[in-house]
C-alpha atoms as a PDB file:
ATOM      1  CA  MET A   1       7.619   9.108   1.707  1.00  0.00           C
ATOM      2  CA  ASP A   2       9.863   6.690   2.014  1.00  0.00           C
ATOM      3  CA  VAL A   3       9.232   3.496   0.085  1.00  0.00           C
ATOM      4  CA  LYS A   4      12.160   1.147   1.653  1.00  0.00           C
ATOM      5  CA  ALA A   5      11.318   2.198   5.134  1.00  0.00           C
ATOM      6  CA  LEU A   6       7.815   1.054   4.722  1.00  0.00           C
ATOM      7  CA  LYS A   7       8.758  -2.181   2.916  1.00  0.00           C
ATOM      8  CA  ALA A   8      11.160  -2.709   6.210  1.00  0.00           C
ATOM      9  CA  HIS A   9       8.275  -2.367   8.144  1.00  0.00           C
ATOM     10  CA  SER A  10       6.106  -4.515   6.540  1.00  0.00           C
ATOM     11  CA  LYS A  11       8.868  -7.108   6.819  1.00  0.00           C
ATOM     12  CA  ALA A  12       8.965  -6.633  10.224  1.00  0.00           C
ATOM     13  CA  LYS A  13       5.264  -6.517  10.997  1.00  0.00           C
ATOM     14  CA  THR A  14       5.879  -3.227  13.019  1.00  0.00           C
ATOM     15  CA  PRO A  15       2.106  -2.090  14.180  1.00  0.00           C
ATOM     16  CA  ILE A  16       0.924   0.708  11.750  1.00  0.00           C
ATOM     17  CA  ALA A  17       0.369   3.379  14.753  1.00  0.00           C
ATOM     18  CA  LYS A  18       4.159   2.944  15.303  1.00  0.00           C
ATOM     19  CA  ILE A  19       5.045   3.309  12.007  1.00  0.00           C
ATOM     20  CA  SER A  20       2.386   6.396  11.626  1.00  0.00           C
ATOM     21  CA  LYS A  21       4.491   7.919  14.497  1.00  0.00           C
ATOM     22  CA  GLN A  22       8.180   7.576  12.954  1.00  0.00           C
ATOM     23  CA  LEU A  23       7.771   8.294   9.313  1.00  0.00           C
ATOM     24  CA  LYS A  24       5.192  11.464  10.761  1.00  0.00           C
ATOM     25  CA  ARG A  25       2.353  10.434   8.597  1.00  0.00           C
ATOM     26  CA  SER A  26      -1.276   9.821   9.319  1.00  0.00           C
ATOM     27  CA  VAL A  27      -2.039   5.795   9.455  1.00  0.00           C
ATOM     28  CA  PRO A  28      -4.916   6.164   6.489  1.00  0.00           C
ATOM     29  CA  ALA A  29      -1.694   7.639   4.529  1.00  0.00           C
ATOM     30  CA  LEU A  30       0.449   4.951   5.189  1.00  0.00           C
ATOM     31  CA  ARG A  31      -2.326   2.210   4.372  1.00  0.00           C
ATOM     32  CA  ALA A  32      -2.578   4.142   1.051  1.00  0.00           C
ATOM     33  CA  LYS A  33       0.383   4.072   0.183  1.00  0.00           C
ATOM     34  CA  ALA A  34       1.112   0.555   1.048  1.00  0.00           C
ATOM     35  CA  HIS A  35      -1.776  -0.684  -0.728  1.00  0.00           C
ATOM     36  CA  GLN A  36      -0.599   1.308  -3.979  1.00  0.00           C
ATOM     37  CA  LEU A  37       2.689  -0.492  -3.601  1.00  0.00           C
ATOM     38  CA  GLY A  38       0.869  -3.492  -3.079  1.00  0.00           C
ATOM     39  CA  ILE A  39       2.633  -4.774   0.076  1.00  0.00           C
ATOM     40  CA  GLY A  40       0.673  -5.240   3.486  1.00  0.00           C
ATOM     41  CA  LEU A  41       0.465  -3.269   6.381  1.00  0.00           C
ATOM     42  CA  GLY A  42      -0.639  -2.814  10.296  1.00  0.00           C
ATOM     43  CA  HIS A  43      -0.554  -6.821  11.475  1.00  0.00           C
ATOM     44  CA  GLN A  44      -2.929  -6.951  14.245  1.00  0.00           C
ATOM     45  CA  ARG A  45      -3.230 -10.461  14.018  1.00  0.00           C
END
């Protein structure tokens, strides 16, 4: 998984569904990886 891309999306506050399509990963997989790295993902607020 591209950690650099994940961090960039976190900073840009990209919706998780969009990241999921772009990286071709499931939403739970992205959430798990982000949690593992200690970065926030899926900014809906």
